[in-house]
Amino acid sequence: MGTLLQDRLKNIAQNSDMLSDVRGLGLMVGVEIAGYGTLSPAECADRILECMKDMGYLLGKTGPGRNVLTWMPPLIIQEEELMEAADALEKTLQTL
């Protein structure tokens, strides 16, 4: 399931200038935010987190620059649920 999530997030990152890296182990995945326009990476991460929260998804924020979104879904998550969450991130990136 972790590989599935990372592959989907990497696909999203290839199509977005806001995401600079996807890394992790298993279902613990980090998505590094590069920033966008005049927004710093941390400000961009904050906006993404708020949008995701409004859609019902809770992600963490870590890293020295506070610009890495952390995905830690429950181990019992289903593939469909993972893809819905990744789709929500993609939709969020399109709206910023």
PDB file of N, CA and C in Angstrom:
ATOM      1  N   MET A   1       0.825  -1.191   0.000  1.00  0.00           N
ATOM      2  CA  MET A   1       0.000   0.000   0.000  1.00  0.00           C
ATOM      3  C   MET A   1       0.875   1.263   0.000  1.00  0.00           C
ATOM      4  N   GLY A   2       2.009   1.211   0.683  1.00  0.00           N
ATOM      5  CA  GLY A   2       2.909   2.362   0.713  1.00  0.00           C
ATOM      6  C   GLY A   2       3.460   2.686  -0.662  1.00  0.00           C
ATOM      7  N   THR A   3       3.818   1.666  -1.408  1.00  0.00           N
ATOM      8  CA  THR A   3       4.319   1.869  -2.771  1.00  0.00           C
ATOM      9  C   THR A   3       3.237   2.475  -3.646  1.00  0.00           C
ATOM     10  N   LEU A   4       2.028   1.997  -3.489  1.00  0.00           N
ATOM     11  CA  LEU A   4       0.897   2.531  -4.248  1.00  0.00           C
ATOM     12  C   LEU A   4       0.710   4.020  -3.954  1.00  0.00           C
ATOM     13  N   LEU A   5       0.736   4.393  -2.677  1.00  0.00           N
ATOM     14  CA  LEU A   5       0.576   5.789  -2.292  1.00  0.00           C
ATOM     15  C   LEU A   5       1.729   6.633  -2.825  1.00  0.00           C
ATOM     16  N   GLN A   6       2.952   6.167  -2.643  1.00  0.00           N
ATOM     17  CA  GLN A   6       4.101   6.941  -3.111  1.00  0.00           C
ATOM     18  C   GLN A   6       4.088   7.109  -4.628  1.00  0.00           C
ATOM     19  N   ASP A   7       3.737   6.066  -5.352  1.00  0.00           N
ATOM     20  CA  ASP A   7       3.673   6.164  -6.812  1.00  0.00           C
ATOM     21  C   ASP A   7       2.644   7.200  -7.250  1.00  0.00           C
ATOM     22  N   ARG A   8       1.492   7.207  -6.602  1.00  0.00           N
ATOM     23  CA  ARG A   8       0.437   8.170  -6.959  1.00  0.00           C
ATOM     24  C   ARG A   8       0.881   9.592  -6.632  1.00  0.00           C
ATOM     25  N   LEU A   9       1.507   9.776  -5.469  1.00  0.00           N
ATOM     26  CA  LEU A   9       1.973  11.106  -5.081  1.00  0.00           C
ATOM     27  C   LEU A   9       3.107  11.583  -5.986  1.00  0.00           C
ATOM     28  N   LYS A  10       3.984  10.686  -6.401  1.00  0.00           N
ATOM     29  CA  LYS A  10       5.057  11.052  -7.332  1.00  0.00           C
ATOM     30  C   LYS A  10       4.481  11.470  -8.675  1.00  0.00           C
ATOM     31  N   ASN A  11       3.425  10.805  -9.096  1.00  0.00           N
ATOM     32  CA  ASN A  11       2.755  11.183 -10.340  1.00  0.00           C
ATOM     33  C   ASN A  11       2.183  12.590 -10.223  1.00  0.00           C
ATOM     34  N   ILE A  12       1.576  12.895  -9.096  1.00  0.00           N
ATOM     35  CA  ILE A  12       1.033  14.234  -8.865  1.00  0.00           C
ATOM     36  C   ILE A  12       2.175  15.254  -8.852  1.00  0.00           C
ATOM     37  N   ALA A  13       3.301  14.911  -8.213  1.00  0.00           N
ATOM     38  CA  ALA A  13       4.442  15.824  -8.115  1.00  0.00           C
ATOM     39  C   ALA A  13       5.019  16.151  -9.493  1.00  0.00           C
ATOM     40  N   GLN A  14       4.996  15.188 -10.400  1.00  0.00           N
ATOM     41  CA  GLN A  14       5.511  15.433 -11.750  1.00  0.00           C
ATOM     42  C   GLN A  14       4.696  16.484 -12.487  1.00  0.00           C
ATOM     43  N   ASN A  15       3.441  16.631 -12.111  1.00  0.00           N
ATOM     44  CA  ASN A  15       2.553  17.566 -12.783  1.00  0.00           C
ATOM     45  C   ASN A  15       2.328  18.854 -11.992  1.00  0.00           C
ATOM     46  N   SER A  16       3.096  19.071 -10.936  1.00  0.00           N
ATOM     47  CA  SER A  16       2.902  20.252 -10.099  1.00  0.00           C
ATOM     48  C   SER A  16       4.252  20.851  -9.720  1.00  0.00           C
ATOM     49  N   ASP A  17       4.375  22.146  -9.881  1.00  0.00           N
ATOM     50  CA  ASP A  17       5.597  22.843  -9.482  1.00  0.00           C
ATOM     51  C   ASP A  17       5.684  23.024  -7.973  1.00  0.00           C
ATOM     52  N   MET A  18       4.580  22.802  -7.266  1.00  0.00           N
ATOM     53  CA  MET A  18       4.560  23.016  -5.816  1.00  0.00           C
ATOM     54  C   MET A  18       5.209  21.883  -5.035  1.00  0.00           C
ATOM     55  N   LEU A  19       5.273  20.693  -5.617  1.00  0.00           N
ATOM     56  CA  LEU A  19       5.825  19.545  -4.914  1.00  0.00           C
ATOM     57  C   LEU A  19       7.227  19.258  -5.434  1.00  0.00           C
ATOM     58  N   SER A  20       8.195  19.163  -4.519  1.00  0.00           N
ATOM     59  CA  SER A  20       9.571  18.946  -4.961  1.00  0.00           C
ATOM     60  C   SER A  20      10.089  17.539  -4.698  1.00  0.00           C
ATOM     61  N   ASP A  21       9.469  16.807  -3.771  1.00  0.00           N
ATOM     62  CA  ASP A  21       9.971  15.460  -3.472  1.00  0.00           C
ATOM     63  C   ASP A  21       8.898  14.651  -2.763  1.00  0.00           C
ATOM     64  N   VAL A  22       8.931  13.352  -3.001  1.00  0.00           N
ATOM     65  CA  VAL A  22       8.069  12.396  -2.294  1.00  0.00           C
ATOM     66  C   VAL A  22       8.987  11.291  -1.792  1.00  0.00           C
ATOM     67  N   ARG A  23       8.921  11.018  -0.498  1.00  0.00           N
ATOM     68  CA  ARG A  23       9.793   9.989   0.071  1.00  0.00           C
ATOM     69  C   ARG A  23       9.106   9.339   1.264  1.00  0.00           C
ATOM     70  N   GLY A  24       9.571   8.155   1.603  1.00  0.00           N
ATOM     71  CA  GLY A  24       8.997   7.511   2.769  1.00  0.00           C
ATOM     72  C   GLY A  24       9.317   6.039   2.843  1.00  0.00           C
ATOM     73  N   LEU A  25       8.719   5.417   3.815  1.00  0.00           N
ATOM     74  CA  LEU A  25       8.874   3.988   4.035  1.00  0.00           C
ATOM     75  C   LEU A  25       7.516   3.442   4.433  1.00  0.00           C
ATOM     76  N   GLY A  26       7.022   2.507   3.664  1.00  0.00           N
ATOM     77  CA  GLY A  26       5.691   1.979   3.927  1.00  0.00           C
ATOM     78  C   GLY A  26       4.660   3.075   3.764  1.00  0.00           C
ATOM     79  N   LEU A  27       3.742   3.162   4.705  1.00  0.00           N
ATOM     80  CA  LEU A  27       2.703   4.181   4.644  1.00  0.00           C
ATOM     81  C   LEU A  27       3.103   5.497   5.322  1.00  0.00           C
ATOM     82  N   MET A  28       4.332   5.578   5.831  1.00  0.00           N
ATOM     83  CA  MET A  28       4.832   6.866   6.350  1.00  0.00           C
ATOM     84  C   MET A  28       5.489   7.579   5.174  1.00  0.00           C
ATOM     85  N   VAL A  29       4.796   8.582   4.644  1.00  0.00           N
ATOM     86  CA  VAL A  29       5.251   9.240   3.423  1.00  0.00           C
ATOM     87  C   VAL A  29       5.338  10.746   3.666  1.00  0.00           C
ATOM     88  N   GLY A  30       6.405  11.345   3.175  1.00  0.00           N
ATOM     89  CA  GLY A  30       6.578  12.786   3.245  1.00  0.00           C
ATOM     90  C   GLY A  30       6.533  13.386   1.852  1.00  0.00           C
ATOM     91  N   VAL A  31       5.829  14.499   1.717  1.00  0.00           N
ATOM     92  CA  VAL A  31       5.744  15.225   0.447  1.00  0.00           C
ATOM     93  C   VAL A  31       6.311  16.615   0.699  1.00  0.00           C
ATOM     94  N   GLU A  32       7.458  16.906   0.092  1.00  0.00           N
ATOM     95  CA  GLU A  32       8.104  18.195   0.297  1.00  0.00           C
ATOM     96  C   GLU A  32       7.483  19.252  -0.609  1.00  0.00           C
ATOM     97  N   ILE A  33       7.165  20.378   0.005  1.00  0.00           N
ATOM     98  CA  ILE A  33       6.535  21.477  -0.709  1.00  0.00           C
ATOM     99  C   ILE A  33       7.616  22.485  -1.101  1.00  0.00           C
ATOM    100  N   ALA A  34       7.613  22.898  -2.379  1.00  0.00           N
ATOM    101  CA  ALA A  34       8.626  23.814  -2.889  1.00  0.00           C
ATOM    102  C   ALA A  34       8.202  25.263  -2.771  1.00  0.00           C
ATOM    103  N   GLY A  35       6.942  25.520  -2.560  1.00  0.00           N
ATOM    104  CA  GLY A  35       6.440  26.882  -2.551  1.00  0.00           C
ATOM    105  C   GLY A  35       5.781  27.183  -3.879  1.00  0.00           C
ATOM    106  N   TYR A  36       5.198  28.368  -3.957  1.00  0.00           N
ATOM    107  CA  TYR A  36       4.497  28.723  -5.191  1.00  0.00           C
ATOM    108  C   TYR A  36       4.355  30.234  -5.279  1.00  0.00           C
ATOM    109  N   GLY A  37       4.804  30.806  -6.373  1.00  0.00           N
ATOM    110  CA  GLY A  37       4.711  32.252  -6.542  1.00  0.00           C
ATOM    111  C   GLY A  37       5.403  32.980  -5.416  1.00  0.00           C
ATOM    112  N   THR A  38       4.679  33.854  -4.748  1.00  0.00           N
ATOM    113  CA  THR A  38       5.249  34.624  -3.644  1.00  0.00           C
ATOM    114  C   THR A  38       5.152  33.888  -2.309  1.00  0.00           C
ATOM    115  N   LEU A  39       4.506  32.720  -2.303  1.00  0.00           N
ATOM    116  CA  LEU A  39       4.360  31.950  -1.049  1.00  0.00           C
ATOM    117  C   LEU A  39       5.634  31.169  -0.759  1.00  0.00           C
ATOM    118  N   SER A  40       6.090  31.238   0.472  1.00  0.00           N
ATOM    119  CA  SER A  40       7.223  30.420   0.886  1.00  0.00           C
ATOM    120  C   SER A  40       6.760  28.962   0.946  1.00  0.00           C
ATOM    121  N   PRO A  41       7.700  28.017   0.958  1.00  0.00           N
ATOM    122  CA  PRO A  41       7.303  26.616   1.086  1.00  0.00           C
ATOM    123  C   PRO A  41       6.438  26.347   2.322  1.00  0.00           C
ATOM    124  N   ALA A  42       6.768  26.962   3.462  1.00  0.00           N
ATOM    125  CA  ALA A  42       5.985  26.749   4.689  1.00  0.00           C
ATOM    126  C   ALA A  42       4.582  27.331   4.560  1.00  0.00           C
ATOM    127  N   GLU A  43       4.463  28.520   3.952  1.00  0.00           N
ATOM    128  CA  GLU A  43       3.146  29.122   3.757  1.00  0.00           C
ATOM    129  C   GLU A  43       2.295  28.287   2.810  1.00  0.00           C
ATOM    130  N   CYS A  44       2.923  27.776   1.785  1.00  0.00           N
ATOM    131  CA  CYS A  44       2.214  26.928   0.832  1.00  0.00           C
ATOM    132  C   CYS A  44       1.741  25.644   1.518  1.00  0.00           C
ATOM    133  N   ALA A  45       2.612  25.061   2.347  1.00  0.00           N
ATOM    134  CA  ALA A  45       2.240  23.854   3.096  1.00  0.00           C
ATOM    135  C   ALA A  45       1.045  24.132   4.002  1.00  0.00           C
ATOM    136  N   ASP A  46       1.039  25.294   4.660  1.00  0.00           N
ATOM    137  CA  ASP A  46      -0.078  25.655   5.536  1.00  0.00           C
ATOM    138  C   ASP A  46      -1.389  25.727   4.753  1.00  0.00           C
ATOM    139  N   ARG A  47      -1.351  26.338   3.591  1.00  0.00           N
ATOM    140  CA  ARG A  47      -2.569  26.454   2.780  1.00  0.00           C
ATOM    141  C   ARG A  47      -3.061  25.084   2.310  1.00  0.00           C
ATOM    142  N   ILE A  48      -2.128  24.234   1.920  1.00  0.00           N
ATOM    143  CA  ILE A  48      -2.507  22.882   1.499  1.00  0.00           C
ATOM    144  C   ILE A  48      -3.132  22.135   2.665  1.00  0.00           C
ATOM    145  N   LEU A  49      -2.520  22.226   3.843  1.00  0.00           N
ATOM    146  CA  LEU A  49      -3.047  21.538   5.027  1.00  0.00           C
ATOM    147  C   LEU A  49      -4.463  22.004   5.350  1.00  0.00           C
ATOM    148  N   GLU A  50      -4.706  23.302   5.275  1.00  0.00           N
ATOM    149  CA  GLU A  50      -6.043  23.825   5.566  1.00  0.00           C
ATOM    150  C   GLU A  50      -7.068  23.312   4.566  1.00  0.00           C
ATOM    151  N   CYS A  51      -6.715  23.308   3.298  1.00  0.00           N
ATOM    152  CA  CYS A  51      -7.640  22.796   2.269  1.00  0.00           C
ATOM    153  C   CYS A  51      -7.916  21.312   2.475  1.00  0.00           C
ATOM    154  N   MET A  52      -6.875  20.549   2.760  1.00  0.00           N
ATOM    155  CA  MET A  52      -7.050  19.115   2.985  1.00  0.00           C
ATOM    156  C   MET A  52      -7.911  18.874   4.218  1.00  0.00           C
ATOM    157  N   LYS A  53      -7.695  19.661   5.269  1.00  0.00           N
ATOM    158  CA  LYS A  53      -8.498  19.527   6.490  1.00  0.00           C
ATOM    159  C   LYS A  53      -9.967  19.807   6.196  1.00  0.00           C
ATOM    160  N   ASP A  54     -10.223  20.842   5.390  1.00  0.00           N
ATOM    161  CA  ASP A  54     -11.598  21.172   5.030  1.00  0.00           C
ATOM    162  C   ASP A  54     -12.278  20.044   4.263  1.00  0.00           C
ATOM    163  N   MET A  55     -11.479  19.218   3.575  1.00  0.00           N
ATOM    164  CA  MET A  55     -12.024  18.071   2.835  1.00  0.00           C
ATOM    165  C   MET A  55     -12.058  16.801   3.681  1.00  0.00           C
ATOM    166  N   GLY A  56     -11.607  16.904   4.943  1.00  0.00           N
ATOM    167  CA  GLY A  56     -11.696  15.772   5.853  1.00  0.00           C
ATOM    168  C   GLY A  56     -10.429  14.939   5.987  1.00  0.00           C
ATOM    169  N   TYR A  57      -9.291  15.462   5.511  1.00  0.00           N
ATOM    170  CA  TYR A  57      -8.033  14.718   5.583  1.00  0.00           C
ATOM    171  C   TYR A  57      -7.061  15.441   6.492  1.00  0.00           C
ATOM    172  N   LEU A  58      -6.512  14.725   7.460  1.00  0.00           N
ATOM    173  CA  LEU A  58      -5.549  15.310   8.386  1.00  0.00           C
ATOM    174  C   LEU A  58      -4.154  14.836   8.026  1.00  0.00           C
ATOM    175  N   LEU A  59      -3.296  15.781   7.692  1.00  0.00           N
ATOM    176  CA  LEU A  59      -1.898  15.502   7.398  1.00  0.00           C
ATOM    177  C   LEU A  59      -1.056  16.253   8.411  1.00  0.00           C
ATOM    178  N   GLY A  60       0.160  15.802   8.595  1.00  0.00           N
ATOM    179  CA  GLY A  60       1.073  16.501   9.488  1.00  0.00           C
ATOM    180  C   GLY A  60       1.989  17.419   8.697  1.00  0.00           C
ATOM    181  N   LYS A  61       2.790  18.191   9.433  1.00  0.00           N
ATOM    182  CA  LYS A  61       3.758  19.089   8.805  1.00  0.00           C
ATOM    183  C   LYS A  61       5.054  18.976   9.583  1.00  0.00           C
ATOM    184  N   THR A  62       6.134  18.610   8.905  1.00  0.00           N
ATOM    185  CA  THR A  62       7.420  18.414   9.556  1.00  0.00           C
ATOM    186  C   THR A  62       8.527  19.020   8.703  1.00  0.00           C
ATOM    187  N   GLY A  63       9.741  18.716   9.065  1.00  0.00           N
ATOM    188  CA  GLY A  63      10.911  19.172   8.329  1.00  0.00           C
ATOM    189  C   GLY A  63      11.483  20.436   8.939  1.00  0.00           C
ATOM    190  N   PRO A  64      12.764  20.679   8.703  1.00  0.00           N
ATOM    191  CA  PRO A  64      13.414  21.866   9.258  1.00  0.00           C
ATOM    192  C   PRO A  64      12.742  23.166   8.813  1.00  0.00           C
ATOM    193  N   GLY A  65      12.228  23.191   7.594  1.00  0.00           N
ATOM    194  CA  GLY A  65      11.551  24.373   7.090  1.00  0.00           C
ATOM    195  C   GLY A  65      10.046  24.320   7.265  1.00  0.00           C
ATOM    196  N   ARG A  66       9.559  23.294   7.972  1.00  0.00           N
ATOM    197  CA  ARG A  66       8.110  23.092   8.183  1.00  0.00           C
ATOM    198  C   ARG A  66       7.356  23.058   6.859  1.00  0.00           C
ATOM    199  N   ASN A  67       7.954  22.397   5.863  1.00  0.00           N
ATOM    200  CA  ASN A  67       7.363  22.356   4.530  1.00  0.00           C
ATOM    201  C   ASN A  67       7.224  20.934   3.980  1.00  0.00           C
ATOM    202  N   VAL A  68       7.185  19.948   4.864  1.00  0.00           N
ATOM    203  CA  VAL A  68       6.991  18.562   4.434  1.00  0.00           C
ATOM    204  C   VAL A  68       5.661  18.063   4.994  1.00  0.00           C
ATOM    205  N   LEU A  69       4.758  17.722   4.090  1.00  0.00           N
ATOM    206  CA  LEU A  69       3.475  17.147   4.514  1.00  0.00           C
ATOM    207  C   LEU A  69       3.699  15.684   4.835  1.00  0.00           C
ATOM    208  N   THR A  70       3.243  15.257   5.995  1.00  0.00           N
ATOM    209  CA  THR A  70       3.422  13.858   6.376  1.00  0.00           C
ATOM    210  C   THR A  70       2.098  13.108   6.278  1.00  0.00           C
ATOM    211  N   TRP A  71       2.160  12.014   5.573  1.00  0.00           N
ATOM    212  CA  TRP A  71       1.017  11.117   5.411  1.00  0.00           C
ATOM    213  C   TRP A  71       1.277   9.906   6.286  1.00  0.00           C
ATOM    214  N   MET A  72       0.364   9.619   7.190  1.00  0.00           N
ATOM    215  CA  MET A  72       0.468   8.436   8.042  1.00  0.00           C
ATOM    216  C   MET A  72      -0.920   7.823   8.221  1.00  0.00           C
ATOM    217  N   PRO A  73      -1.461   7.270   7.144  1.00  0.00           N
ATOM    218  CA  PRO A  73      -2.796   6.676   7.247  1.00  0.00           C
ATOM    219  C   PRO A  73      -2.759   5.399   8.083  1.00  0.00           C
ATOM    220  N   PRO A  74      -3.902   4.974   8.563  1.00  0.00           N
ATOM    221  CA  PRO A  74      -3.943   3.731   9.343  1.00  0.00           C
ATOM    222  C   PRO A  74      -3.542   2.543   8.469  1.00  0.00           C
ATOM    223  N   LEU A  75      -2.945   1.564   9.093  1.00  0.00           N
ATOM    224  CA  LEU A  75      -2.476   0.395   8.350  1.00  0.00           C
ATOM    225  C   LEU A  75      -3.618  -0.414   7.726  1.00  0.00           C
ATOM    226  N   ILE A  76      -4.834  -0.191   8.176  1.00  0.00           N
ATOM    227  CA  ILE A  76      -5.978  -0.946   7.638  1.00  0.00           C
ATOM    228  C   ILE A  76      -6.665  -0.202   6.485  1.00  0.00           C
ATOM    229  N   ILE A  77      -6.052   0.872   6.012  1.00  0.00           N
ATOM    230  CA  ILE A  77      -6.662   1.665   4.948  1.00  0.00           C
ATOM    231  C   ILE A  77      -6.779   0.844   3.670  1.00  0.00           C
ATOM    232  N   GLN A  78      -7.832   1.109   2.928  1.00  0.00           N
ATOM    233  CA  GLN A  78      -8.077   0.411   1.673  1.00  0.00           C
ATOM    234  C   GLN A  78      -7.519   1.239   0.511  1.00  0.00           C
ATOM    235  N   GLU A  79      -7.230   0.575  -0.596  1.00  0.00           N
ATOM    236  CA  GLU A  79      -6.667   1.231  -1.775  1.00  0.00           C
ATOM    237  C   GLU A  79      -7.549   2.394  -2.239  1.00  0.00           C
ATOM    238  N   GLU A  80      -8.853   2.185  -2.265  1.00  0.00           N
ATOM    239  CA  GLU A  80      -9.773   3.223  -2.712  1.00  0.00           C
ATOM    240  C   GLU A  80      -9.668   4.474  -1.839  1.00  0.00           C
ATOM    241  N   GLU A  81      -9.515   4.279  -0.538  1.00  0.00           N
ATOM    242  CA  GLU A  81      -9.397   5.407   0.380  1.00  0.00           C
ATOM    243  C   GLU A  81      -8.092   6.177   0.152  1.00  0.00           C
ATOM    244  N   LEU A  82      -7.014   5.437  -0.102  1.00  0.00           N
ATOM    245  CA  LEU A  82      -5.730   6.090  -0.389  1.00  0.00           C
ATOM    246  C   LEU A  82      -5.820   6.943  -1.643  1.00  0.00           C
ATOM    247  N   MET A  83      -6.434   6.399  -2.674  1.00  0.00           N
ATOM    248  CA  MET A  83      -6.548   7.128  -3.936  1.00  0.00           C
ATOM    249  C   MET A  83      -7.450   8.351  -3.797  1.00  0.00           C
ATOM    250  N   GLU A  84      -8.496   8.246  -2.974  1.00  0.00           N
ATOM    251  CA  GLU A  84      -9.361   9.402  -2.720  1.00  0.00           C
ATOM    252  C   GLU A  84      -8.581  10.515  -2.037  1.00  0.00           C
ATOM    253  N   ALA A  85      -7.722  10.163  -1.089  1.00  0.00           N
ATOM    254  CA  ALA A  85      -6.916  11.161  -0.392  1.00  0.00           C
ATOM    255  C   ALA A  85      -5.914  11.807  -1.346  1.00  0.00           C
ATOM    256  N   ALA A  86      -5.282  11.006  -2.184  1.00  0.00           N
ATOM    257  CA  ALA A  86      -4.342  11.550  -3.169  1.00  0.00           C
ATOM    258  C   ALA A  86      -5.074  12.451  -4.165  1.00  0.00           C
ATOM    259  N   ASP A  87      -6.268  12.054  -4.560  1.00  0.00           N
ATOM    260  CA  ASP A  87      -7.079  12.891  -5.464  1.00  0.00           C
ATOM    261  C   ASP A  87      -7.416  14.222  -4.804  1.00  0.00           C
ATOM    262  N   ALA A  88      -7.669  14.194  -3.500  1.00  0.00           N
ATOM    263  CA  ALA A  88      -7.969  15.424  -2.771  1.00  0.00           C
ATOM    264  C   ALA A  88      -6.756  16.355  -2.778  1.00  0.00           C
ATOM    265  N   LEU A  89      -5.553  15.799  -2.635  1.00  0.00           N
ATOM    266  CA  LEU A  89      -4.348  16.620  -2.715  1.00  0.00           C
ATOM    267  C   LEU A  89      -4.214  17.226  -4.108  1.00  0.00           C
ATOM    268  N   GLU A  90      -4.428  16.428  -5.123  1.00  0.00           N
ATOM    269  CA  GLU A  90      -4.318  16.925  -6.499  1.00  0.00           C
ATOM    270  C   GLU A  90      -5.316  18.061  -6.741  1.00  0.00           C
ATOM    271  N   LYS A  91      -6.519  17.889  -6.263  1.00  0.00           N
ATOM    272  CA  LYS A  91      -7.555  18.935  -6.410  1.00  0.00           C
ATOM    273  C   LYS A  91      -7.140  20.192  -5.653  1.00  0.00           C
ATOM    274  N   THR A  92      -6.579  20.030  -4.457  1.00  0.00           N
ATOM    275  CA  THR A  92      -6.121  21.156  -3.659  1.00  0.00           C
ATOM    276  C   THR A  92      -5.035  21.935  -4.403  1.00  0.00           C
ATOM    277  N   LEU A  93      -4.082  21.232  -4.984  1.00  0.00           N
ATOM    278  CA  LEU A  93      -3.003  21.897  -5.701  1.00  0.00           C
ATOM    279  C   LEU A  93      -3.528  22.696  -6.892  1.00  0.00           C
ATOM    280  N   GLN A  94      -4.574  22.200  -7.510  1.00  0.00           N
ATOM    281  CA  GLN A  94      -5.151  22.883  -8.665  1.00  0.00           C
ATOM    282  C   GLN A  94      -5.886  24.157  -8.257  1.00  0.00           C
ATOM    283  N   THR A  95      -6.348  24.224  -7.019  1.00  0.00           N
ATOM    284  CA  THR A  95      -7.119  25.387  -6.577  1.00  0.00           C
ATOM    285  C   THR A  95      -6.250  26.497  -5.990  1.00  0.00           C
ATOM    286  N   LEU A  96      -4.999  26.188  -5.652  1.00  0.00           N
ATOM    287  CA  LEU A  96      -4.121  27.213  -5.051  1.00  0.00           C
ATOM    288  C   LEU A  96      -3.553  28.131  -6.122  1.00  0.00           C
TER     289      LEU A  96
END
